[in-house]
Protein backbone atom coordinates (compact mmCIF):
# COMPACT_ATOMS: atom_id res chain seq x y z
CA MET A 1 19.08 2.36 -15.31
CA THR A 2 22.03 2.57 -12.96
CA PRO A 3 23.09 -0.48 -10.90
CA THR A 4 21.73 1.26 -7.79
CA ILE A 5 18.28 1.65 -9.35
CA TRP A 6 18.34 -1.98 -10.49
CA ARG A 7 19.21 -3.05 -6.96
CA LEU A 8 16.46 -0.89 -5.46
CA LEU A 9 13.98 -2.30 -7.97
CA ALA A 10 15.00 -5.90 -7.27
CA GLY A 11 14.86 -5.51 -3.51
CA ARG A 12 11.45 -3.84 -3.46
CA THR A 13 10.12 -6.52 -5.83
CA PHE A 14 11.35 -9.32 -3.57
CA ALA A 15 9.66 -7.68 -0.59
CA ALA A 16 6.41 -7.02 -2.47
CA PHE A 17 6.20 -10.60 -3.72
CA ALA A 18 6.92 -11.94 -0.24
CA GLY A 19 4.28 -9.70 1.31
CA ALA A 20 1.72 -10.83 -1.27
CA LEU A 21 2.32 -14.49 -0.40
CA ILE A 22 1.44 -14.08 3.28
CA PRO A 23 -2.37 -13.48 3.31
CA THR A 24 -3.18 -16.36 0.96
CA THR A 25 -0.81 -18.74 2.76
CA LEU A 26 -2.29 -17.93 6.17
CA THR A 27 -5.86 -18.06 4.87
CA LEU A 28 -5.44 -21.52 3.33
CA ALA A 29 -3.51 -22.81 6.34
CA VAL A 30 -6.13 -21.68 8.86
CA VAL A 31 -9.36 -22.43 6.99
CA ARG A 32 -8.32 -26.04 6.39
CA SER A 33 -8.29 -26.81 10.09
CA GLY A 34 -9.69 -23.74 11.82
CA SER A 35 -12.63 -21.40 11.54
CA ALA A 36 -13.43 -17.95 10.22
CA ALA A 37 -12.97 -16.62 13.75
CA ASP A 38 -9.47 -18.16 13.92
CA LEU A 39 -8.57 -16.55 10.60
CA GLY A 40 -9.83 -13.19 11.86
CA VAL A 41 -7.62 -13.49 14.95
CA VAL A 42 -4.52 -14.26 12.90
CA LEU A 43 -5.08 -11.48 10.34
CA ALA A 44 -5.96 -8.95 13.04
CA SER A 45 -2.78 -9.90 14.90
CA GLU A 46 -0.78 -8.72 11.91
CA LEU A 47 -2.82 -5.56 11.33
CA LEU A 48 -2.87 -4.16 14.88
CA PRO A 49 0.92 -3.82 15.31
CA MET A 50 1.07 -2.08 11.92
CA LEU A 51 -1.42 0.54 13.07
CA LEU A 52 0.03 1.01 16.56
CA LEU A 53 3.69 1.15 15.53
CA MET A 54 3.43 3.16 12.30
CA PRO A 55 3.95 6.63 13.92
CA VAL A 56 6.86 5.23 15.96
CA ALA A 57 8.34 3.74 12.79
CA GLY A 58 8.15 7.16 11.14
CA VAL A 59 10.41 8.60 13.83
CA VAL A 60 12.83 5.69 13.41
CA ALA A 61 12.87 6.26 9.62
CA ASP A 62 13.96 9.87 10.16
CA ARG A 63 16.48 9.06 12.90
CA PHE A 64 18.44 6.24 11.28
CA PRO A 65 19.78 5.45 7.77
CA ALA A 66 16.91 4.07 5.70
CA ARG A 67 18.86 1.11 4.34
CA ARG A 68 19.67 -0.11 7.86
CA VAL A 69 16.07 0.14 9.02
CA VAL A 70 14.85 -1.68 5.89
CA LEU A 71 17.53 -4.34 6.42
CA ALA A 72 16.40 -4.91 10.02
CA ALA A 73 12.69 -4.90 9.12
CA ASP A 74 13.20 -7.44 6.32
CA LEU A 75 15.26 -9.72 8.56
CA VAL A 76 12.56 -9.57 11.26
CA ARG A 77 9.91 -10.50 8.70
CA ALA A 78 12.16 -13.24 7.32
CA GLY A 79 12.62 -14.73 10.79
CA ALA A 80 8.88 -14.60 11.50
CA GLN A 81 8.04 -16.32 8.21
CA VAL A 82 10.67 -19.04 8.62
CA ALA A 83 9.30 -19.69 12.12
CA THR A 84 5.77 -19.75 10.69
CA GLY A 85 6.86 -22.31 8.11
CA ALA A 86 8.47 -24.46 10.76
CA LEU A 87 5.34 -24.24 12.91
CA LEU A 88 3.08 -25.25 10.03
CA LEU A 89 5.33 -28.16 9.04
CA SER A 90 5.63 -29.45 12.59
CA GLY A 91 2.03 -30.57 13.03
CA PRO A 92 -1.54 -29.30 13.40
CA VAL A 93 -2.18 -25.58 13.01
CA ARG A 94 -1.70 -23.78 16.33
CA ILE A 95 -3.55 -20.47 16.24
CA PRO A 96 -1.80 -18.75 19.20
CA GLY A 97 1.61 -19.38 17.66
CA LEU A 98 0.50 -18.20 14.22
CA ALA A 99 -1.06 -15.08 15.75
CA ALA A 100 2.13 -14.24 17.64
CA LEU A 101 4.28 -14.64 14.53
CA ALA A 102 1.79 -12.63 12.50
CA ALA A 103 2.18 -9.82 15.05
CA VAL A 104 5.96 -9.91 14.58
CA THR A 105 5.45 -9.74 10.81
CA GLY A 106 3.11 -6.77 11.25
CA ALA A 107 5.74 -4.96 13.31
CA GLY A 108 8.28 -5.56 10.55
CA VAL A 109 5.87 -4.12 7.98
CA ALA A 110 5.29 -1.05 10.16
CA PHE A 111 9.00 -0.25 10.40
CA GLY A 112 9.86 -1.21 6.84
CA ASN A 113 7.22 0.88 5.07
CA PRO A 114 8.25 4.47 6.01
CA SER A 115 11.93 3.67 5.58
CA ALA A 116 11.36 2.15 2.13
CA ARG A 117 9.87 5.50 1.10
CA THR A 118 12.81 7.50 2.50
CA LEU A 119 15.22 5.03 0.88
CA VAL A 120 14.00 6.08 -2.57
CA ALA A 121 14.61 9.72 -1.71
CA ALA A 122 18.08 8.86 -0.39
CA VAL A 123 19.13 6.79 -3.40
CA VAL A 124 17.47 8.42 -6.41
CA PRO A 125 18.27 12.00 -7.53
CA ALA A 126 15.26 14.31 -7.55
CA ALA A 127 15.10 14.50 -11.34
CA GLY A 128 14.78 10.73 -11.69
CA ARG A 129 12.33 9.97 -8.90
CA LEU A 130 9.12 9.96 -10.93
CA ARG A 131 10.55 7.47 -13.42
CA ALA A 132 11.97 5.37 -10.56
CA ASN A 133 8.66 5.41 -8.67
CA SER A 134 6.86 4.41 -11.86
CA ARG A 135 9.19 1.46 -12.42
CA LEU A 136 8.82 0.46 -8.79
CA GLY A 137 5.06 0.58 -9.22
CA VAL A 138 5.14 -1.73 -12.23
CA ALA A 139 7.49 -4.22 -10.56
CA THR A 140 5.77 -4.30 -7.17
CA GLY A 141 2.29 -4.30 -8.73
CA THR A 142 3.19 -7.31 -10.85
CA ALA A 143 4.66 -9.06 -7.82
CA GLN A 144 1.55 -8.36 -5.76
CA MET A 145 -0.65 -9.72 -8.55
CA ALA A 146 1.40 -12.91 -8.88
CA GLY A 147 1.81 -13.49 -5.15
CA PRO A 148 -1.64 -14.87 -4.25
CA ALA A 149 -1.64 -17.28 -7.19
CA ALA A 150 1.87 -18.51 -6.34
CA ALA A 151 0.97 -18.90 -2.66
CA GLY A 152 -2.18 -20.82 -3.54
CA ALA A 153 -0.37 -23.15 -5.93
CA MET A 154 2.49 -23.86 -3.54
CA THR A 155 0.19 -24.33 -0.54
CA LEU A 156 -2.04 -26.75 -2.39
CA ALA A 157 0.87 -28.66 -3.91
CA LEU A 158 3.41 -28.73 -1.07
CA GLY A 159 1.71 -27.25 1.99
CA ALA A 160 1.47 -23.85 3.66
CA GLY A 161 4.70 -24.39 5.57
CA TRP A 162 6.78 -24.43 2.39
CA SER A 163 5.05 -21.27 1.15
CA SER A 164 6.03 -19.51 4.39
CA LEU A 165 9.62 -20.71 4.05
CA LEU A 166 9.72 -19.30 0.51
CA THR A 167 8.37 -16.03 1.89
CA GLY A 168 11.13 -15.90 4.47
CA THR A 169 13.75 -16.54 1.79
CA LEU A 170 12.41 -13.68 -0.32
CA PHE A 171 12.61 -11.31 2.65
CA VAL A 172 16.24 -12.35 3.15
CA ALA A 173 16.88 -11.56 -0.52
CA SER A 174 15.26 -8.15 -0.06
CA ALA A 175 17.36 -7.48 3.04
CA LEU A 176 20.61 -8.39 1.32
CA THR A 177 19.71 -6.35 -1.76
CA LEU A 178 18.41 -3.16 -0.13
CA GLY A 179 20.66 -3.28 2.91
CA GLY A 180 23.75 -2.91 0.74
CA LEU A 181 22.58 0.13 -1.19
CA ARG A 182 24.89 3.11 -1.22
CA THR A 183 23.11 6.27 -0.17
CA ALA A 184 24.12 9.91 -0.17
CA PRO A 185 26.28 10.98 2.79
CA ALA A 186 24.22 11.74 5.87
CA PRO A 187 23.93 15.39 6.92
CA LEU A 188 26.02 16.61 9.82
CA ALA A 189 24.79 15.28 13.12
CA ARG A 190 22.52 17.58 15.08
CA THR A 191 21.26 17.55 18.61
CA ARG A 192 18.11 15.47 18.63
CA ALA A 193 15.06 16.01 20.74
CA GLY A 194 13.53 13.19 22.73
CA PHE A 195 11.53 10.50 20.98
CA THR A 196 8.16 11.91 22.04
CA ALA A 197 9.20 15.40 21.00
CA GLU A 198 10.19 14.14 17.56
CA LEU A 199 6.87 12.33 17.26
CA ARG A 200 5.05 15.58 18.05
CA ALA A 201 7.31 17.44 15.62
CA GLY A 202 6.35 14.96 12.91
CA TRP A 203 2.67 15.67 13.47
CA SER A 204 3.38 19.43 13.49
CA GLU A 205 5.20 19.08 10.17
CA THR A 206 2.27 17.10 8.80
CA ARG A 207 -0.18 19.86 9.75
CA ARG A 208 2.13 22.41 8.11
CA HIS A 209 1.24 20.89 4.71
CA PRO A 210 -2.52 21.30 4.15
CA TRP A 211 -2.18 19.80 0.65
CA PHE A 212 -0.80 16.62 2.23
CA LEU A 213 -3.28 16.32 5.07
CA ALA A 214 -6.27 16.96 2.81
CA ASN A 215 -5.09 14.36 0.30
CA VAL A 216 -4.40 11.77 3.00
CA LEU A 217 -7.90 12.18 4.44
CA ALA A 218 -9.41 12.00 0.94
CA HIS A 219 -7.37 8.88 0.20
CA GLY A 220 -8.70 7.43 3.44
CA VAL A 221 -12.23 7.83 2.06
CA TRP A 222 -11.13 6.06 -1.11
CA HIS A 223 -9.54 3.17 0.81
CA PHE A 224 -12.67 2.80 2.94
CA ALA A 225 -14.74 2.68 -0.25
CA ALA A 226 -12.34 0.09 -1.69
CA GLY A 227 -13.02 -2.08 1.34
CA LEU A 228 -16.74 -1.87 0.63
CA LEU A 229 -16.17 -2.73 -3.03
CA LEU A 230 -13.91 -5.71 -2.35
CA THR A 231 -16.60 -7.18 -0.07
CA LEU A 232 -19.79 -6.35 -1.98
CA GLY A 233 -18.41 -6.49 -5.54
CA PRO A 234 -17.97 -10.27 -5.62
CA LEU A 235 -21.45 -10.78 -4.15
CA ILE A 236 -23.03 -8.59 -6.84
CA ALA A 237 -20.97 -10.28 -9.56
CA VAL A 238 -22.17 -13.71 -8.46
CA GLU A 239 -25.80 -12.59 -8.17
CA SER A 240 -26.18 -10.32 -11.21
CA LEU A 241 -23.15 -10.29 -13.52
CA GLY A 242 -22.73 -13.91 -14.52
CA GLY A 243 -21.20 -15.67 -11.54
CA ALA A 244 -17.84 -15.92 -9.83
CA ALA A 245 -15.96 -16.00 -13.15
CA SER A 246 -17.19 -12.49 -13.93
CA TRP A 247 -15.60 -11.15 -10.73
CA VAL A 248 -12.30 -12.84 -11.56
CA ILE A 249 -12.34 -11.26 -15.03
CA ILE A 250 -13.26 -7.82 -13.66
CA ALA A 251 -10.49 -8.03 -11.05
CA GLN A 252 -7.91 -9.04 -13.65
CA VAL A 253 -8.99 -6.22 -15.96
CA GLY A 254 -8.52 -3.85 -13.04
CA THR A 255 -5.06 -5.21 -12.35
CA ALA A 256 -4.14 -4.66 -16.00
CA GLY A 257 -5.38 -1.07 -15.70
CA MET A 258 -3.18 -0.47 -12.66
CA LEU A 259 -0.09 -1.80 -14.41
CA VAL A 260 -0.78 0.37 -17.47
CA GLY A 261 -1.21 3.37 -15.18
CA VAL A 262 2.04 2.97 -13.24
CA TRP A 263 3.90 2.36 -16.51
CA ALA A 264 2.43 5.51 -18.04
CA ALA A 265 2.87 7.74 -14.98
CA GLY A 266 6.57 8.35 -15.62
CA ARG A 267 5.96 9.08 -19.31
CA LEU A 268 2.95 11.40 -19.26
CA PRO A 269 3.59 15.18 -19.49
CA VAL A 270 1.96 15.95 -16.13
CA ARG A 271 2.47 19.62 -15.22
CA ARG A 272 0.43 19.60 -12.01
CA PRO A 273 0.88 16.23 -10.30
CA LEU A 274 -1.64 16.83 -7.51
CA TYR A 275 -4.37 17.50 -10.10
CA ALA A 276 -3.66 14.09 -11.63
CA VAL A 277 -3.62 12.51 -8.15
CA ALA A 278 -7.06 13.99 -7.40
CA ALA A 279 -8.45 12.82 -10.75
CA GLY A 280 -7.03 9.33 -10.32
CA ALA A 281 -8.42 8.94 -6.82
CA SER A 282 -11.85 10.31 -7.74
CA ALA A 283 -12.05 7.77 -10.60
CA GLN A 284 -12.60 5.14 -7.89
CA ALA A 285 -16.23 6.32 -7.90
CA LEU A 286 -16.77 4.68 -11.32
CA PRO A 287 -16.77 0.99 -10.33
CA LEU A 288 -18.59 1.78 -7.09
CA ALA A 289 -21.44 3.28 -9.10
CA ALA A 290 -21.28 0.52 -11.73
CA PHE A 291 -21.64 -2.24 -9.14
CA ALA A 292 -24.34 -0.32 -7.25
CA LEU A 293 -26.42 0.06 -10.42
CA ARG A 294 -25.60 -3.51 -11.51
CA LEU A 295 -24.49 -2.41 -14.96
CA PRO A 296 -23.48 -5.11 -17.46
CA ALA A 297 -20.25 -6.96 -16.75
CA GLY A 298 -18.43 -5.36 -19.69
CA VAL A 299 -19.31 -1.85 -18.56
CA THR A 300 -18.37 -2.65 -14.98
CA ALA A 301 -15.03 -4.10 -16.09
CA GLY A 302 -14.37 -0.92 -18.09
CA ALA A 303 -15.17 1.20 -15.04
CA PHE A 304 -12.84 -0.90 -12.89
CA PHE A 305 -10.09 -0.62 -15.53
CA ALA A 306 -10.44 3.18 -15.52
CA ALA A 307 -10.38 3.30 -11.73
CA MET A 308 -7.29 1.13 -11.40
CA LEU A 309 -5.63 3.05 -14.22
CA GLY A 310 -6.16 6.10 -12.02
CA VAL A 311 -4.59 4.30 -9.06
CA GLY A 312 -1.63 3.34 -11.20
CA VAL A 313 -1.07 6.92 -12.33
CA LEU A 314 -1.56 8.52 -8.93
CA SER A 315 0.69 6.19 -6.91
CA PRO A 316 4.08 7.18 -8.44
CA LEU A 317 3.00 10.82 -8.75
CA TRP A 318 1.95 10.92 -5.11
CA GLU A 319 5.19 9.32 -3.90
CA THR A 320 7.27 11.70 -6.02
CA GLU A 321 5.32 14.76 -4.87
CA MET A 322 5.81 13.78 -1.23
CA GLN A 323 9.54 13.33 -1.80
CA ARG A 324 9.66 16.72 -3.55
CA ARG A 325 7.58 18.85 -1.20
CA ILE A 326 8.33 17.39 2.23
CA PRO A 327 11.78 17.97 3.80
CA PRO A 328 13.79 14.72 3.71
CA GLU A 329 14.54 14.88 7.43
CA THR A 330 10.80 14.57 8.22
CA LEU A 331 9.65 12.40 5.31
CA GLY A 332 9.50 9.22 7.38
CA ARG A 333 7.29 10.72 10.08
CA VAL A 334 5.00 12.59 7.70
CA GLY A 335 4.71 9.62 5.35
CA SER A 336 3.85 7.29 8.22
CA PHE A 337 0.57 9.17 8.74
CA ASP A 338 -0.29 8.56 5.07
CA THR A 339 0.30 4.83 5.46
CA LEU A 340 -1.52 4.73 8.81
CA ILE A 341 -4.73 6.19 7.34
CA SER A 342 -4.57 3.82 4.37
CA PHE A 343 -3.97 0.73 6.50
CA ALA A 344 -6.79 1.63 8.89
CA ALA A 345 -9.46 2.74 6.41
CA ARG A 346 -9.58 -0.27 4.10
CA PRO A 347 -10.03 -2.92 6.83
CA LEU A 348 -12.77 -0.73 8.30
CA GLY A 349 -14.55 -0.78 4.95
CA LEU A 350 -14.14 -4.55 4.75
CA ALA A 351 -15.56 -4.92 8.26
CA VAL A 352 -18.68 -2.76 7.89
CA ALA A 353 -19.64 -3.66 4.30
CA ALA A 354 -21.72 -6.75 5.09
CA PRO A 355 -23.56 -5.23 8.08
CA LEU A 356 -24.40 -2.10 6.08
CA ALA A 357 -25.61 -4.13 3.11
CA GLY A 358 -27.72 -6.25 5.44
CA VAL A 359 -29.60 -3.13 6.59
CA THR A 360 -29.74 -1.00 3.43
CA GLY A 361 -28.96 -3.39 0.56
CA THR A 362 -25.84 -3.19 -1.58
CA ALA A 363 -26.72 -0.17 -3.72
CA ALA A 364 -27.01 2.51 -1.02
CA PRO A 365 -23.58 2.12 0.62
CA LEU A 366 -21.83 1.81 -2.76
CA LEU A 367 -23.52 4.90 -4.20
CA ALA A 368 -22.79 6.88 -1.02
CA ALA A 369 -19.17 5.75 -1.17
CA ALA A 370 -18.95 6.75 -4.85
CA PHE A 371 -20.22 10.26 -4.08
CA LEU A 372 -17.98 10.72 -1.04
CA THR A 373 -14.91 9.41 -2.87
CA ALA A 374 -15.33 11.81 -5.78
CA ALA A 375 -16.28 14.76 -3.57
CA ALA A 376 -13.45 14.27 -1.07
CA ASN A 377 -10.72 13.87 -3.67
CA LEU A 378 -11.86 16.65 -6.01
CA SER A 379 -12.39 19.07 -3.13
CA VAL A 380 -8.65 19.10 -2.38
CA LEU A 381 -8.22 21.13 -5.58
CA LEU A 382 -9.82 24.05 -3.75
CA LEU A 383 -6.76 24.42 -1.51
CA PRO A 384 -4.31 27.14 -2.63
CA ASP A 385 -1.21 25.05 -1.86
CA VAL A 386 -2.55 22.23 -4.04
CA ARG A 387 -2.88 24.59 -6.99
CA ARG A 388 0.53 26.20 -6.58
CA GLU A 389 3.83 24.64 -7.60
CA PRO A 390 6.53 25.64 -5.04
CA GLU A 391 9.59 24.91 -7.16
CA ARG A 392 8.16 26.47 -10.30
CA GLU A 393 7.09 29.62 -8.43
CA ALA A 394 10.49 29.89 -6.79
CA SER A 395 12.26 29.65 -10.17
CA VAL A 396 10.00 32.38 -11.59
CA ALA A 397 10.68 34.64 -8.61
CA LEU A 398 14.45 34.34 -9.16
CA ARG A 399 14.27 35.59 -12.75
């Protein structure tokens, strides 16, 4: 790997690890002296700015150099986390202050996410993007897996304030690492439309790619189903699969599957990436059905491994296909709609899972989600521009 790729990999890993520390730190800090309602307020305060600012952040990602936006977003998150640490170390937990700082963190996430995607396209040549995205997936996936355990250990041993200070330090490391990346020279300046016009143009560009819009909506179904699974799966594991330990084992098996998938994605001879993306996303139906039918723990763990293997394969392929098919000058805006749907759908699934199960039981919503996930993601293969390969067709036409 080149020094630039190493630097990109290190910076994204720092940011992923820092982001994975936050939910566990806040949860342990609030539940010790607050209530479930207080925790909901704090977590919602981080989520809402993400959702509201994501389209705006897409315009910013296309207007300004990606490394500068990522630098600013990481420094904002670093400042919010250092302030959170100071607040937690200064005395009793104060929910309004934590909620306000969580909102600042959410804004930083909103602006950092689209620009991190465009940064890969700006730094990595097209031929090396799949391998780079695969390596990024392994590194960030490992960091996200280790983050909750590290946050829990540090919070229990030293206190939540020190965990937040560590998080802020990691965001500073990410800012210094990614902010100094050398990118390709910017194109010649052009006359820009107003902000609102560029926002509308981003949506128009999104609608110009039916393959993208169909996949994003199908992925939204999958993320909604994942929210159901993450709520109802542990309950079913405790009731029918051998207790809480069985859920921990199943979750870890799934994490291993994801890491294997992202490692393999850059090495598999995939000729039609969007076919593999559809297959990987539709595989999420397997654990949904396994939990709904209360199959043995070993079978359910195997289903979860297969599903997360699919996630691992599809993630780098999807990122690379977006970077290949969408013009770089609109990638931030178009990609922000992808992130927006994902961020919104999973919390919705988490929120409605318990009420649905209270009315229908656990099996019905999980089986319905399994069917809809498979149907939505496989149906995108019916679209002509999913089946065609623009670059390959263009090269054939030139012969």
